[in-house]
Amino acid sequence: ELKPTVFDDIIALVALYRPGPMQWIDDFIDRKHGRTPITYVHPAAENSLKNTYGVLVYQEQVMQISKEMCGFTGGQADTLRKAIGKKQVSVMAKMKEAFIDGAVNISGADRKVMDEFWSSLEDFAAYCFNKSHAACYGLIAYQTAYLKAHFPAAFMAALLTSDFANTDRIAIEVAETQRMGIKVLPPDVNESFLEFAVVKETGNIRFGLSAIKNVGTGPIEAILAAREEGGPFTSIEDFAKRVNARECNKKVWEALAKSGAFDSLIKDERGVLLHNLDVLTSFASKAQKNALSGQIDIFGSLGEEENLPALRLDPPPVPVSSREQLAWEKELLGLYLSHHPLDDYAGFLGDSCQPIGALTPESDGKLVRVGGYITTIRKITTKTGSLMAFIGLEDKTGLTELIVFPKAYEKSPEVFEADNVIIATGKISARDREGRLTSEPKIMVDGAKIVDYDQAKNHKPVKPLRAPAAAAKPAPPPPATASAPPPAASPSAPPTGGYIVLKLTDLSDQALLHSIKEVLSNHQGSVDTFVVVGGDTPKKIRLPFKVAVSDALIQQLTAVVGDGQVAHKA
């Protein structure tokens, strides 16, 4: 929304995009693009606030204003900065008189205006950020954005490598890589390296061996050394003979087999390898022991087979199912790579649900039923102690976010767990805070249930349902005539005037503020919203949201902030 044109814009967003100052982001953006006039508390403050379009963002700006406008010395300005940064209310109270008197006497400022400005400084103390700190983060943001734009595969491979030990982050970054049109290929003993790497021929990324759980640096180095010395492995038997058996033990063999690293050597036979782990490790040890003792060289003319029995692998008593294979990948890699986890559910979900990828913003407000597996989950506790959740749901056509408020969550909390395949019903919400349609519809959940695997697996598909139709546009009213009275307001329609007020004790609870934002964003309209913060001397702050007042809105806000903390003022 900001569309930065100068580096200072990025620095400012780093400082603004946090719970306290987020309320000024829209004003900052509107001032930059000329939709809101740039104003200053006094002309003498322009030099300090020009780079942030008149919005107070940094501690350094407070110091500069106190020196240039109020006549503070460098020491006094730094004392004020420390008081703001460490929230030293008593120190700030002692400096208030000198600050206001200095502005009045030196710059000719209006005392009442400066008193109001000082009040805003006290609020600023709750979230202040120093520009030098924000600039460091901003520079990294600029550099990484450049690399991602111009060298996407190399950048994402490096990012994946940096998080190789964090399977949650790996899953998020693989999803982003795939969204960018770059495939992330499973690990492979013939192509993978220690780190994630770009495959030169295709531009795709091959999974790094270091990201497989239970495979340490020692085994990886042994695999790479054998590959460098003798070229690609030609078979499981070849791998067993050449890779150091002391490094590549039974646990490593198991992890490599389950993760698919041997698939190129023994196609779709992970179950065979797992069933023969003892045979494989024994064969590897014996083969390398013979090689070290020189027996193979002495009797080379007679052939190795006479000294070492050929490797024989027995089939497992029960074939490995695709579900088991995916479970292994999730356990060892943190995500699914070989195929989609919904393959066995496709027919059932197709007959029962609308495809997520077919949902459109124009369907805003319509009821919908969707199905898929839960990719991400974030649970938060409301002021009343109830749980609610924000769920990432994916099917084979796309992904969406489910917003599950406490009432819906309490019905079936066991449903909302990672990797569950579920069906959820609810209302599509596709409007932003200004009431405009967005490109990413979300779903406000009314109810959900887990899909039974056996039922889905044995289901005979019929025909997939279509996406819900867009809400019909109402017909325009007939032209008014002089004799026709205006239509009466519906007695059941919710009031649309006035404003909404939320009472909060402070602005430090990030989860609470995020929840409030989610609720307000899903009830766009024309009514202003405010929060009142504090006790004896409360502060009233306008929020950057306009809402449509309804019973549902009031109920959802009450669930988040608590009984008696939400009011609709006429």
Protein backbone atom coordinates (compact mmCIF):
# COMPACT_ATOMS: atom_id res chain seq x y z
CA GLU A 1 0.00 0.00 0.00
CA LEU A 2 2.85 2.40 0.76
CA LYS A 3 4.78 1.77 -2.49
CA PRO A 4 8.10 3.05 -1.08
CA THR A 5 10.09 5.42 -3.27
CA VAL A 6 12.90 6.27 -0.84
CA PHE A 7 14.77 4.21 1.73
CA ASP A 8 13.34 6.36 4.54
CA ASP A 9 9.90 4.92 3.74
CA ILE A 10 11.12 1.39 4.52
CA ILE A 11 12.75 2.53 7.77
CA ALA A 12 9.50 4.20 8.85
CA LEU A 13 7.41 1.09 8.17
CA VAL A 14 9.76 -1.03 10.29
CA ALA A 15 9.13 1.34 13.20
CA LEU A 16 5.39 1.74 12.56
CA TYR A 17 4.40 -1.87 11.93
CA ARG A 18 4.03 -2.89 15.57
CA PRO A 19 1.00 -3.04 17.89
CA GLY A 20 1.18 0.50 19.29
CA PRO A 21 1.91 2.66 16.24
CA MET A 22 -0.03 0.58 13.70
CA GLN A 23 -2.92 3.03 14.11
CA TRP A 24 -0.86 5.64 12.22
CA ILE A 25 0.09 3.47 9.23
CA ASP A 26 -2.91 4.47 7.12
CA ASP A 27 -2.38 8.16 7.90
CA PHE A 28 1.31 7.83 7.01
CA ILE A 29 0.42 6.20 3.65
CA ASP A 30 -2.30 8.73 2.84
CA ARG A 31 0.04 11.64 3.57
CA LYS A 32 2.75 10.19 1.32
CA HIS A 33 0.36 9.84 -1.62
CA GLY A 34 -1.29 13.22 -1.11
CA ARG A 35 -4.70 11.93 0.00
CA THR A 36 -4.26 13.63 3.38
CA PRO A 37 -2.51 16.99 3.81
CA ILE A 38 0.85 16.98 5.58
CA THR A 39 0.59 19.08 8.73
CA TYR A 40 2.97 19.91 11.59
CA VAL A 41 2.34 20.80 15.21
CA HIS A 42 4.36 23.98 14.50
CA PRO A 43 6.49 25.19 11.55
CA ALA A 44 9.57 24.72 13.73
CA ALA A 45 8.87 20.94 13.80
CA GLU A 46 8.90 20.57 10.00
CA ASN A 47 12.64 19.98 9.82
CA SER A 48 12.31 17.04 12.24
CA LEU A 49 9.16 15.45 10.76
CA LYS A 50 9.52 16.14 7.04
CA ASN A 51 10.92 12.70 6.16
CA THR A 52 7.93 11.00 7.83
CA TYR A 53 5.28 13.29 6.31
CA GLY A 54 4.55 15.02 9.64
CA VAL A 55 3.99 11.77 11.57
CA LEU A 56 6.05 11.30 14.74
CA VAL A 57 7.82 7.93 14.37
CA TYR A 58 11.26 7.88 16.03
CA GLN A 59 12.93 8.74 19.35
CA GLU A 60 15.47 10.80 17.42
CA GLN A 61 12.67 13.07 16.15
CA VAL A 62 11.65 13.83 19.73
CA MET A 63 15.25 14.79 20.53
CA GLN A 64 15.49 17.02 17.45
CA ILE A 65 12.20 18.80 18.20
CA SER A 66 13.19 19.38 21.83
CA LYS A 67 16.48 21.00 20.73
CA GLU A 68 15.34 23.03 17.72
CA MET A 69 11.90 24.02 18.92
CA CYS A 70 12.18 24.04 22.72
CA GLY A 71 15.81 25.03 23.24
CA PHE A 72 16.90 21.86 25.03
CA THR A 73 20.59 21.12 25.31
CA GLY A 74 21.94 17.87 23.89
CA GLY A 75 22.03 16.42 27.40
CA GLN A 76 18.44 17.40 28.14
CA ALA A 77 17.28 15.95 24.82
CA ASP A 78 19.03 12.67 25.57
CA THR A 79 17.48 12.55 29.05
CA LEU A 80 14.07 12.98 27.44
CA ARG A 81 14.88 10.21 24.94
CA LYS A 82 15.85 7.84 27.74
CA ALA A 83 12.71 8.68 29.68
CA ILE A 84 10.57 7.93 26.63
CA GLY A 85 12.49 4.77 25.70
CA LYS A 86 12.35 3.36 29.23
CA LYS A 87 8.85 4.69 29.97
CA GLN A 88 10.06 6.73 32.95
CA VAL A 89 6.85 8.59 33.66
CA SER A 90 8.21 10.57 36.63
CA VAL A 91 11.18 11.90 34.63
CA MET A 92 8.92 12.91 31.75
CA ALA A 93 6.59 14.71 34.14
CA LYS A 94 9.53 16.80 35.44
CA MET A 95 10.52 17.78 31.87
CA LYS A 96 7.02 18.66 30.72
CA GLU A 97 7.09 22.26 31.96
CA ALA A 98 10.52 23.00 30.45
CA PHE A 99 9.45 21.46 27.13
CA ILE A 100 6.23 23.47 26.81
CA ASP A 101 7.71 26.71 28.14
CA GLY A 102 10.63 26.39 25.73
CA ALA A 103 8.33 25.92 22.74
CA VAL A 104 6.21 28.92 23.75
CA ASN A 105 9.11 31.26 24.54
CA ILE A 106 11.58 30.24 21.82
CA SER A 107 9.32 29.25 18.90
CA GLY A 108 6.17 31.20 19.72
CA ALA A 109 4.06 28.05 19.86
CA ASP A 110 0.57 28.03 21.31
CA ARG A 111 0.63 26.65 24.87
CA LYS A 112 -2.59 24.65 24.44
CA VAL A 113 -1.32 23.07 21.22
CA MET A 114 1.96 22.13 22.87
CA ASP A 115 0.13 20.69 25.86
CA GLU A 116 -1.78 18.41 23.47
CA PHE A 117 1.48 17.56 21.70
CA TRP A 118 3.05 16.58 25.03
CA SER A 119 0.10 14.23 25.67
CA SER A 120 0.83 12.54 22.34
CA LEU A 121 4.47 12.20 23.44
CA GLU A 122 3.32 10.35 26.56
CA ASP A 123 1.39 7.94 24.33
CA PHE A 124 4.45 7.68 22.10
CA ALA A 125 6.44 6.44 25.09
CA ALA A 126 4.43 3.22 24.99
CA TYR A 127 5.83 2.17 21.61
CA CYS A 128 8.76 4.42 20.65
CA PHE A 129 11.43 3.03 18.34
CA ASN A 130 14.83 4.50 17.53
CA LYS A 131 15.53 5.20 13.87
CA SER A 132 19.04 3.72 13.90
CA HIS A 133 17.61 0.37 14.96
CA ALA A 134 14.84 0.51 12.35
CA ALA A 135 17.39 1.40 9.66
CA CYS A 136 19.35 -1.81 10.32
CA TYR A 137 16.24 -3.92 9.81
CA GLY A 138 15.22 -1.79 6.85
CA LEU A 139 18.54 -2.35 5.10
CA ILE A 140 18.20 -6.12 5.48
CA ALA A 141 14.63 -5.91 4.15
CA TYR A 142 15.83 -3.96 1.10
CA GLN A 143 18.73 -6.32 0.38
CA THR A 144 16.71 -9.51 0.75
CA ALA A 145 13.82 -8.15 -1.32
CA TYR A 146 16.29 -7.37 -4.12
CA LEU A 147 17.77 -10.86 -4.00
CA LYS A 148 14.34 -12.51 -3.91
CA ALA A 149 13.22 -10.48 -6.93
CA HIS A 150 16.32 -11.00 -9.09
CA PHE A 151 17.70 -14.37 -7.91
CA PRO A 152 14.59 -16.13 -6.58
CA ALA A 153 15.80 -19.76 -6.65
CA ALA A 154 19.20 -19.03 -5.13
CA PHE A 155 17.65 -16.78 -2.49
CA MET A 156 15.01 -19.30 -1.45
CA ALA A 157 17.61 -22.10 -1.34
CA ALA A 158 19.74 -19.98 0.98
CA LEU A 159 16.71 -19.11 3.12
CA LEU A 160 15.75 -22.79 3.42
CA THR A 161 19.32 -23.66 4.37
CA SER A 162 19.36 -21.01 7.11
CA ASP A 163 16.30 -22.65 8.71
CA PHE A 164 17.21 -26.30 8.04
CA ALA A 165 16.75 -27.26 11.72
CA ASN A 166 13.32 -25.63 12.04
CA THR A 167 10.75 -27.82 10.30
CA ASP A 168 7.94 -25.30 10.88
CA ARG A 169 9.88 -22.60 9.04
CA ILE A 170 10.89 -25.04 6.30
CA ALA A 171 7.22 -25.82 5.62
CA ILE A 172 6.33 -22.13 5.35
CA GLU A 173 9.28 -21.37 3.07
CA VAL A 174 8.64 -24.36 0.80
CA ALA A 175 5.05 -23.19 0.35
CA GLU A 176 6.32 -19.73 -0.60
CA THR A 177 8.86 -21.22 -3.01
CA GLN A 178 6.15 -23.24 -4.73
CA ARG A 179 3.92 -20.16 -4.89
CA MET A 180 6.76 -18.46 -6.80
CA GLY A 181 6.66 -21.27 -9.39
CA ILE A 182 9.85 -22.98 -8.17
CA LYS A 183 9.63 -26.69 -7.34
CA VAL A 184 11.24 -28.06 -4.19
CA LEU A 185 12.37 -31.60 -5.00
CA PRO A 186 12.71 -34.36 -2.38
CA PRO A 187 16.19 -35.23 -1.03
CA ASP A 188 18.25 -37.54 -3.23
CA VAL A 189 21.54 -39.27 -2.43
CA ASN A 190 22.75 -38.60 -5.99
CA GLU A 191 21.78 -34.91 -6.29
CA SER A 192 21.41 -33.41 -2.82
CA PHE A 193 24.18 -31.62 -0.97
CA LEU A 194 24.52 -30.64 2.67
CA GLU A 195 22.51 -27.48 1.99
CA PHE A 196 19.52 -26.77 -0.21
CA ALA A 197 20.81 -26.19 -3.74
CA VAL A 198 19.55 -25.01 -7.11
CA VAL A 199 19.43 -27.66 -9.84
CA LYS A 200 21.21 -25.94 -12.74
CA GLU A 201 19.29 -27.72 -15.50
CA THR A 202 15.80 -26.81 -14.23
CA GLY A 203 16.19 -23.93 -11.79
CA ASN A 204 14.34 -25.94 -9.14
CA ILE A 205 15.62 -26.55 -5.61
CA ARG A 206 16.79 -29.91 -4.30
CA PHE A 207 16.17 -30.61 -0.62
CA GLY A 208 19.33 -30.43 1.51
CA LEU A 209 20.39 -33.59 3.32
CA SER A 210 21.02 -31.56 6.49
CA ALA A 211 17.29 -30.84 6.72
CA ILE A 212 16.43 -34.52 7.22
CA LYS A 213 15.98 -35.37 10.89
CA ASN A 214 18.39 -38.00 12.27
CA VAL A 215 20.92 -37.44 9.46
CA GLY A 216 23.92 -35.61 10.91
CA THR A 217 26.90 -33.94 9.29
CA GLY A 218 29.10 -37.05 9.50
CA PRO A 219 26.87 -39.30 7.35
CA ILE A 220 26.29 -36.50 4.85
CA GLU A 221 30.01 -35.89 4.43
CA ALA A 222 30.51 -39.65 3.93
CA ILE A 223 27.84 -39.73 1.20
CA LEU A 224 29.27 -36.68 -0.59
CA ALA A 225 32.83 -38.03 -0.36
CA ALA A 226 31.83 -41.37 -1.89
CA ARG A 227 29.88 -39.60 -4.64
CA GLU A 228 32.76 -37.28 -5.44
CA GLU A 229 35.25 -40.15 -5.58
CA GLY A 230 33.26 -42.72 -7.54
CA GLY A 231 30.48 -40.77 -9.23
CA PRO A 232 26.70 -41.21 -8.81
CA PHE A 233 25.44 -44.30 -7.03
CA THR A 234 24.00 -46.88 -9.43
CA SER A 235 22.06 -49.03 -6.97
CA ILE A 236 21.31 -49.62 -3.29
CA GLU A 237 24.05 -52.28 -3.31
CA ASP A 238 26.52 -49.78 -4.77
CA PHE A 239 25.61 -47.24 -2.07
CA ALA A 240 26.04 -49.85 0.68
CA LYS A 241 29.52 -50.80 -0.57
CA ARG A 242 30.85 -47.28 -1.02
CA VAL A 243 29.49 -45.16 1.86
CA ASN A 244 31.27 -45.46 5.22
CA ALA A 245 29.18 -47.91 7.24
CA ARG A 246 30.34 -46.51 10.57
CA GLU A 247 28.88 -43.12 9.64
CA CYS A 248 25.82 -44.36 7.80
CA ASN A 249 24.30 -46.55 10.51
CA LYS A 250 20.85 -48.13 10.76
CA LYS A 251 19.20 -44.94 12.02
CA VAL A 252 20.59 -42.94 9.07
CA TRP A 253 19.53 -45.61 6.57
CA GLU A 254 16.02 -45.47 8.01
CA ALA A 255 15.81 -41.66 7.78
CA LEU A 256 17.12 -41.62 4.20
CA ALA A 257 14.67 -44.35 3.16
CA LYS A 258 11.63 -42.77 4.81
CA SER A 259 12.38 -39.30 3.41
CA GLY A 260 12.68 -40.61 -0.17
CA ALA A 261 16.42 -40.02 -0.58
CA PHE A 262 16.81 -43.51 -2.13
CA ASP A 263 13.82 -43.25 -4.49
CA SER A 264 16.01 -42.79 -7.57
CA LEU A 265 17.83 -46.06 -6.77
CA ILE A 266 14.85 -48.22 -5.80
CA LYS A 267 11.70 -46.61 -7.16
CA ASP A 268 8.67 -46.56 -4.84
CA GLU A 269 10.14 -49.24 -2.59
CA ARG A 270 10.67 -47.40 0.68
CA GLY A 271 8.86 -50.19 2.51
CA VAL A 272 11.31 -52.77 1.12
CA LEU A 273 14.28 -50.84 2.45
CA LEU A 274 12.74 -50.39 5.88
CA HIS A 275 11.88 -54.09 6.10
CA ASN A 276 15.52 -54.98 5.30
CA LEU A 277 17.44 -52.43 7.40
CA ASP A 278 19.37 -55.12 9.28
CA VAL A 279 20.28 -56.85 6.01
CA LEU A 280 21.43 -53.56 4.44
CA THR A 281 23.61 -52.44 7.36
CA SER A 282 25.13 -55.92 7.74
CA PHE A 283 25.89 -56.10 4.02
CA ALA A 284 27.50 -52.63 4.09
CA SER A 285 29.69 -53.49 7.08
CA LYS A 286 30.82 -56.80 5.61
CA ALA A 287 31.54 -55.35 2.16
CA GLN A 288 33.69 -52.57 3.56
CA LYS A 289 35.44 -54.88 6.00
CA ASN A 290 36.41 -57.18 3.10
CA ALA A 291 37.65 -54.22 1.11
CA LEU A 292 39.79 -52.99 3.97
CA SER A 293 41.34 -56.44 4.54
CA GLY A 294 42.36 -56.68 0.89
CA GLN A 295 40.39 -59.86 0.17
CA ILE A 296 38.57 -58.38 -2.78
CA ASP A 297 41.84 -57.33 -4.40
CA ILE A 298 43.47 -60.78 -3.84
CA PHE A 299 40.58 -62.74 -5.26
CA GLY A 300 39.46 -60.09 -7.75
CA SER A 301 39.94 -62.47 -10.67
CA LEU A 302 37.38 -64.81 -9.14
CA GLY A 303 34.78 -62.04 -8.81
CA GLU A 304 33.40 -60.30 -5.72
CA GLU A 305 30.30 -62.45 -5.64
CA GLU A 306 32.35 -65.45 -4.46
CA ASN A 307 33.56 -63.54 -1.42
CA LEU A 308 30.41 -61.53 -0.65
CA PRO A 309 26.91 -62.91 -1.16
CA ALA A 310 24.72 -60.77 -3.41
CA LEU A 311 22.41 -58.35 -1.62
CA ARG A 312 18.94 -59.86 -1.35
CA LEU A 313 15.96 -57.80 -0.17
CA ASP A 314 12.72 -59.46 0.89
CA PRO A 315 9.38 -57.72 0.36
CA PRO A 316 7.54 -56.47 3.47
CA PRO A 317 4.54 -58.51 4.65
CA VAL A 318 2.25 -55.49 4.12
CA PRO A 319 2.86 -52.86 1.41
CA VAL A 320 3.44 -49.32 2.62
CA SER A 321 0.41 -47.08 2.06
CA SER A 322 0.68 -43.58 0.63
CA ARG A 323 -0.65 -42.29 3.94
CA GLU A 324 2.23 -43.90 5.85
CA GLN A 325 4.73 -42.51 3.35
CA LEU A 326 3.37 -38.99 3.77
CA ALA A 327 3.49 -39.37 7.55
CA TRP A 328 7.20 -40.26 7.30
CA GLU A 329 7.89 -37.21 5.15
CA LYS A 330 6.05 -34.97 7.59
CA GLU A 331 8.01 -36.44 10.50
CA LEU A 332 11.46 -36.18 8.91
CA LEU A 333 11.15 -33.24 6.53
CA GLY A 334 8.37 -31.21 8.12
CA LEU A 335 6.19 -31.30 4.99
CA TYR A 336 4.84 -33.49 2.22
CA LEU A 337 6.87 -33.78 -0.99
CA SER A 338 6.21 -37.03 -2.87
CA HIS A 339 2.51 -36.41 -3.48
CA HIS A 340 -0.44 -34.44 -2.13
CA PRO A 341 -1.88 -35.46 1.26
CA LEU A 342 -5.41 -35.09 -0.13
CA ASP A 343 -5.01 -37.60 -2.97
CA ASP A 344 -7.07 -40.17 -1.06
CA TYR A 345 -9.69 -37.56 -0.14
CA ALA A 346 -10.11 -35.93 -3.56
CA GLY A 347 -13.31 -37.66 -4.65
CA PHE A 348 -15.07 -37.24 -1.31
CA LEU A 349 -14.14 -33.56 -0.94
CA GLY A 350 -15.05 -32.92 -4.58
CA ASP A 351 -18.59 -34.16 -3.95
CA SER A 352 -18.92 -32.47 -0.56
CA CYS A 353 -17.25 -29.07 -0.87
CA GLN A 354 -16.54 -26.07 -3.04
CA PRO A 355 -12.93 -25.90 -4.33
CA ILE A 356 -10.99 -23.26 -2.41
CA GLY A 357 -9.33 -22.06 -5.61
CA ALA A 358 -12.74 -21.30 -7.12
CA LEU A 359 -13.87 -18.98 -4.30
CA THR A 360 -14.04 -15.36 -5.43
CA PRO A 361 -14.27 -12.04 -3.60
CA GLU A 362 -17.59 -11.44 -5.35
CA SER A 363 -19.05 -14.23 -3.18
CA ASP A 364 -18.58 -12.05 -0.09
CA GLY A 365 -21.26 -12.75 2.48
CA LYS A 366 -22.34 -16.09 1.00
CA LEU A 367 -22.37 -19.36 2.94
CA VAL A 368 -19.80 -21.89 1.80
CA ARG A 369 -18.54 -25.38 2.64
CA VAL A 370 -14.86 -26.12 2.05
CA GLY A 371 -12.58 -29.03 2.82
CA GLY A 372 -8.85 -29.59 3.05
CA TYR A 373 -6.02 -30.21 5.46
CA ILE A 374 -4.87 -27.79 8.12
CA THR A 375 -1.45 -26.37 7.26
CA THR A 376 -1.09 -23.72 9.96
CA ILE A 377 -2.86 -22.91 13.19
CA ARG A 378 -2.57 -19.97 15.55
CA LYS A 379 -4.62 -20.09 18.74
CA ILE A 380 -5.11 -17.07 20.98
CA THR A 381 -6.86 -16.50 24.28
CA THR A 382 -9.42 -13.70 24.41
CA LYS A 383 -9.94 -11.34 27.34
CA THR A 384 -12.68 -13.62 28.62
CA GLY A 385 -10.32 -16.59 28.69
CA SER A 386 -11.87 -18.27 25.66
CA LEU A 387 -9.87 -19.75 22.81
CA MET A 388 -10.17 -18.76 19.18
CA ALA A 389 -8.03 -19.71 16.18
CA PHE A 390 -6.79 -18.61 12.79
CA ILE A 391 -6.46 -21.67 10.57
CA GLY A 392 -4.65 -22.14 7.25
CA LEU A 393 -6.69 -24.59 5.15
CA GLU A 394 -5.45 -26.02 1.84
CA ASP A 395 -7.00 -28.24 -0.81
CA LYS A 396 -5.61 -29.27 -4.21
CA THR A 397 -6.82 -26.00 -5.79
CA GLY A 398 -5.62 -23.39 -3.32
CA LEU A 399 -5.54 -22.22 0.27
CA THR A 400 -7.53 -19.89 2.49
CA GLU A 401 -7.75 -18.72 6.08
CA LEU A 402 -10.47 -19.85 8.48
CA ILE A 403 -11.33 -17.51 11.33
CA VAL A 404 -12.75 -19.53 14.22
CA PHE A 405 -14.27 -17.43 17.01
CA PRO A 406 -14.71 -18.85 20.53
CA LYS A 407 -18.30 -20.04 20.06
CA ALA A 408 -17.38 -22.13 17.00
CA TYR A 409 -14.08 -23.27 18.53
CA GLU A 410 -15.72 -24.55 21.72
CA LYS A 411 -18.03 -26.83 19.70
CA SER A 412 -15.16 -29.04 18.52
CA PRO A 413 -11.66 -27.97 19.61
CA GLU A 414 -10.20 -31.35 18.63
CA VAL A 415 -10.94 -30.58 14.98
CA PHE A 416 -8.57 -27.63 14.80
CA GLU A 417 -5.19 -29.36 14.94
CA ALA A 418 -2.36 -29.36 12.39
CA ASP A 419 -2.60 -31.91 9.53
CA ASN A 420 -6.24 -32.80 10.23
CA VAL A 421 -8.37 -33.14 7.10
CA ILE A 422 -11.59 -31.28 7.81
CA ILE A 423 -14.76 -29.90 6.29
CA ALA A 424 -15.75 -26.41 7.48
CA THR A 425 -18.86 -24.34 6.87
CA GLY A 426 -19.13 -20.60 7.23
CA LYS A 427 -19.53 -17.23 5.59
CA ILE A 428 -17.10 -15.76 3.05
CA SER A 429 -15.50 -12.47 4.09
CA ALA A 430 -13.65 -10.65 1.33
CA ARG A 431 -13.66 -6.96 2.23
CA ASP A 432 -10.84 -4.85 3.60
CA ARG A 433 -11.05 -2.23 6.33
CA GLU A 434 -12.42 0.32 3.85
CA GLY A 435 -15.17 -2.01 2.69
CA ARG A 436 -13.49 -2.76 -0.66
CA LEU A 437 -13.34 -6.26 -2.11
CA THR A 438 -9.95 -7.92 -1.71
CA SER A 439 -8.35 -10.72 -3.71
CA GLU A 440 -8.10 -13.11 -0.75
CA PRO A 441 -11.47 -14.19 0.67
CA LYS A 442 -11.48 -15.65 4.17
CA ILE A 443 -14.10 -17.79 5.87
CA MET A 444 -15.81 -17.05 9.20
CA VAL A 445 -16.41 -20.57 10.50
CA ASP A 446 -19.74 -21.69 11.93
CA GLY A 447 -18.85 -25.37 12.29
CA ALA A 448 -16.29 -27.99 11.28
CA LYS A 449 -15.65 -31.74 11.46
CA ILE A 450 -12.81 -34.17 10.78
CA VAL A 451 -13.13 -36.25 7.59
CA ASP A 452 -12.98 -39.99 8.20
CA TYR A 453 -10.10 -41.45 6.16
CA ASP A 454 -11.74 -44.80 5.39
CA GLN A 455 -14.97 -43.13 4.32
CA ALA A 456 -13.08 -40.78 2.00
CA LYS A 457 -10.82 -43.52 0.63
CA ASN A 458 -13.80 -45.76 -0.28
CA HIS A 459 -15.97 -42.96 -1.61
CA LYS A 460 -17.19 -43.25 -5.22
CA PRO A 461 -16.95 -39.71 -6.67
CA VAL A 462 -20.02 -38.26 -8.34
CA LYS A 463 -19.57 -34.62 -9.27
CA PRO A 464 -17.83 -31.68 -7.57
CA LEU A 465 -19.93 -28.79 -6.36
CA ARG A 466 -19.54 -25.38 -7.91
CA ALA A 467 -18.21 -22.38 -6.09
CA PRO A 468 -20.91 -20.26 -4.44
CA ALA A 469 -22.41 -17.63 -6.69
CA ALA A 470 -21.70 -14.01 -6.07
CA ALA A 471 -24.28 -12.15 -4.06
CA ALA A 472 -26.92 -10.72 -6.38
CA LYS A 473 -26.90 -6.97 -6.72
CA PRO A 474 -30.19 -5.43 -5.51
CA ALA A 475 -32.36 -3.79 -8.14
CA PRO A 476 -32.17 0.00 -8.10
CA PRO A 477 -35.08 1.67 -6.25
CA PRO A 478 -37.79 3.29 -8.39
CA PRO A 479 -37.38 7.04 -8.90
CA ALA A 480 -38.96 9.07 -6.13
CA THR A 481 -42.06 11.10 -6.89
CA ALA A 482 -43.41 14.15 -5.17
CA SER A 483 -46.36 12.25 -3.77
CA ALA A 484 -44.55 9.11 -2.67
CA PRO A 485 -43.37 9.08 0.97
CA PRO A 486 -39.83 7.85 1.71
CA PRO A 487 -39.61 4.13 2.56
CA ALA A 488 -39.77 3.29 6.23
CA ALA A 489 -36.63 1.92 7.83
CA SER A 490 -36.70 -1.77 8.59
CA PRO A 491 -37.35 -2.25 12.30
CA SER A 492 -34.84 -5.11 12.38
CA ALA A 493 -32.00 -3.23 10.67
CA PRO A 494 -29.05 -2.51 12.98
CA PRO A 495 -28.22 1.13 13.78
CA THR A 496 -25.65 2.58 11.41
CA GLY A 497 -24.78 5.93 12.99
CA GLY A 498 -22.56 6.97 15.89
CA TYR A 499 -19.34 5.11 16.61
CA ILE A 500 -17.93 2.01 18.32
CA VAL A 501 -15.76 2.35 21.45
CA LEU A 502 -13.53 -0.42 22.86
CA LYS A 503 -12.14 -0.03 26.39
CA LEU A 504 -8.61 -1.42 26.87
CA THR A 505 -6.21 -1.29 29.78
CA ASP A 506 -3.15 -0.84 27.54
CA LEU A 507 -1.85 -1.41 24.00
CA SER A 508 0.88 -3.93 24.80
CA ASP A 509 -1.16 -7.12 24.15
CA GLN A 510 -0.26 -7.86 20.53
CA ALA A 511 -2.50 -10.92 20.24
CA LEU A 512 -5.49 -8.93 21.51
CA LEU A 513 -4.88 -6.12 19.01
CA HIS A 514 -4.53 -8.61 16.18
CA SER A 515 -7.84 -10.22 17.16
CA ILE A 516 -9.58 -6.85 17.25
CA LYS A 517 -8.18 -6.05 13.82
CA GLU A 518 -9.45 -9.37 12.42
CA VAL A 519 -12.98 -8.73 13.71
CA LEU A 520 -13.16 -5.12 12.51
CA SER A 521 -11.71 -6.03 9.10
CA ASN A 522 -14.52 -8.51 8.57
CA HIS A 523 -17.33 -6.04 9.31
CA GLN A 524 -16.52 -3.13 7.01
CA GLY A 525 -18.91 -0.23 6.82
CA SER A 526 -19.14 3.50 7.52
CA VAL A 527 -19.12 3.73 11.34
CA ASP A 528 -15.96 5.01 13.06
CA THR A 529 -14.18 2.96 15.73
CA PHE A 530 -12.14 4.09 18.74
CA VAL A 531 -10.25 2.58 21.66
CA VAL A 532 -10.15 4.20 25.07
CA VAL A 533 -6.95 3.37 26.94
CA GLY A 534 -5.96 4.02 30.52
CA GLY A 535 -7.54 4.59 33.92
CA ASP A 536 -7.75 7.99 35.62
CA THR A 537 -6.80 9.97 32.50
CA PRO A 538 -7.96 7.78 29.61
CA LYS A 539 -6.85 8.44 26.06
CA LYS A 540 -9.29 8.11 23.16
CA ILE A 541 -7.64 6.90 19.94
CA ARG A 542 -9.31 6.66 16.54
CA LEU A 543 -8.74 3.32 14.79
CA PRO A 544 -8.18 3.04 11.02
CA PHE A 545 -11.35 0.95 10.60
CA LYS A 546 -14.92 1.80 9.68
CA VAL A 547 -17.49 -0.89 10.40
CA ALA A 548 -21.07 -1.92 9.78
CA VAL A 549 -22.72 -2.18 13.20
CA SER A 550 -24.54 -5.45 13.85
CA ASP A 551 -25.29 -7.84 16.68
CA ALA A 552 -22.67 -10.20 15.27
CA LEU A 553 -20.01 -7.48 15.39
CA ILE A 554 -20.80 -6.57 18.99
CA GLN A 555 -20.81 -10.24 20.04
CA GLN A 556 -17.46 -10.96 18.37
CA LEU A 557 -15.80 -7.86 19.83
CA THR A 558 -17.16 -8.72 23.28
CA ALA A 559 -15.74 -12.23 22.96
CA VAL A 560 -12.32 -10.72 22.26
CA VAL A 561 -12.11 -7.79 24.72
CA GLY A 562 -14.58 -8.86 27.43
CA ASP A 563 -18.06 -8.06 28.72
CA GLY A 564 -18.81 -4.39 29.26
CA GLN A 565 -15.79 -3.27 27.21
CA VAL A 566 -17.65 -2.63 23.94
CA ALA A 567 -20.09 0.22 23.40
CA HIS A 568 -22.02 1.61 20.45
CA LYS A 569 -22.39 5.35 20.99
CA ALA A 570 -25.20 7.11 19.16
